[in-house]
Amino acid sequence: MPKPSASLPFQRGGIPAFLSFSSPIWRWAIFAIVIWGLVEVGSYRWTTAPAEGKQFAIVPREPKYQPLSATRQPVLRLATFNMHGAKGEDKVKSLARTAEFVKKFQPDFLALQEVHYNGWLERSNQAERLGWMLEYDWLFAPTSYRWGMLEFGNGVLSRYPVEQWLRRPLPVSSDRTPRNWVLSEIVFDSRRIRILSTHLDTYDGDSLKHMATAKAMFLELEPPAVLLGDLNARADHPQILALCNHPEVRFTKEEDQSPNGPDWKIDWIFLRGLQPVQAGWEKSVVSDHPLYWVDVTWPDPEQYEPSPNEESNGVQVGANPTSKQR
């Protein structure tokens, strides 16, 4: 039997040494596979689990006087704003600038989209920071997390007490960014209003499923109820048309619904059991979306009974039980 060549070292049994499990090549290969696996798992965008709670994070603030409508009913201002992570169309990222823009409108309830989490060091999110800057109770509703930390999602700011809230993920295709919806139940004028806020996908397949889900949920809610957010659906979308033509649904239909004309509007506010008083929008460099708002009141003035603390300039609301002067 011929002897193995001296130029190629062999171990017992005729196996080359570089193929042995004790070889450094195997150790480096295993190390590379482990690192690759960690990168794949860490970089994958995982969907956050469902969550619920009894109230938002409370921010101490001073009470405010709520304006009254012509029929002496209190007026609630609802708004929705895709804040684009506080990064403006001029590529400048400034949460302070976003806060100043929102402050102009003084919304009582604001749904936010594209709200970012601020990384490993700060361990905070933009909804929380806006809540403290503007003195609103806040909720951050992350849609996903990567590298072991939350990433981004939706947010809600409210001046009114929140009785309860729910956060649920929406089904998405495997290669799409996770989405969710938030259902908030606020107390306004001693009554509960259910507000469904969301940011839906632009992809045709997921958009159709998401809009169908949002519409069905909204119509199943006990009125008064609101659906608002960046629905990524224009006026000719089948589900938008169905909502606009529904006998119980109210919405603001203006000729100038978006900077590019009414056909390009994708941010919506739909109402059930509430009467719109006035509405508007404004586009700013702080985001690639306008901020939309609507003032609402109760539809039947005869059902409204003024509260004992009503004054000529409004009703004192917006203070929570733990409010402190600062």
Foldseek 3Di string as FASTA:
>chain_A
DDDDDPVFDADPPRHGPCPDCPHVVVVVVVVVVVVVVCCVQQAAWAFDAKDKDFWFAAFFDDWDFFFADPLRFGKAKEKEEAQQQLQFPVRDRDLVVVLVVVVVVPHQKYKYWFKFQDDDPPRGTSQVVSCNVNVWRKDAQAGTHGNPDTTHAMMMTHLFTWRMKIKHWADDPSPDRTWIKMWTWGADLNDTEIEIETAFDQDVVRLVVVLVVQLVVQVPDDPQYKYWYQSNDACPPPSNVVQVPDPQKDFDDDQPQFVVTRRRDRTTMIGGQKAWDDWDWDDDRSYPGIMIMTMIGGPDSVVDDDDPQADPRGHTGRGDPPHDDD
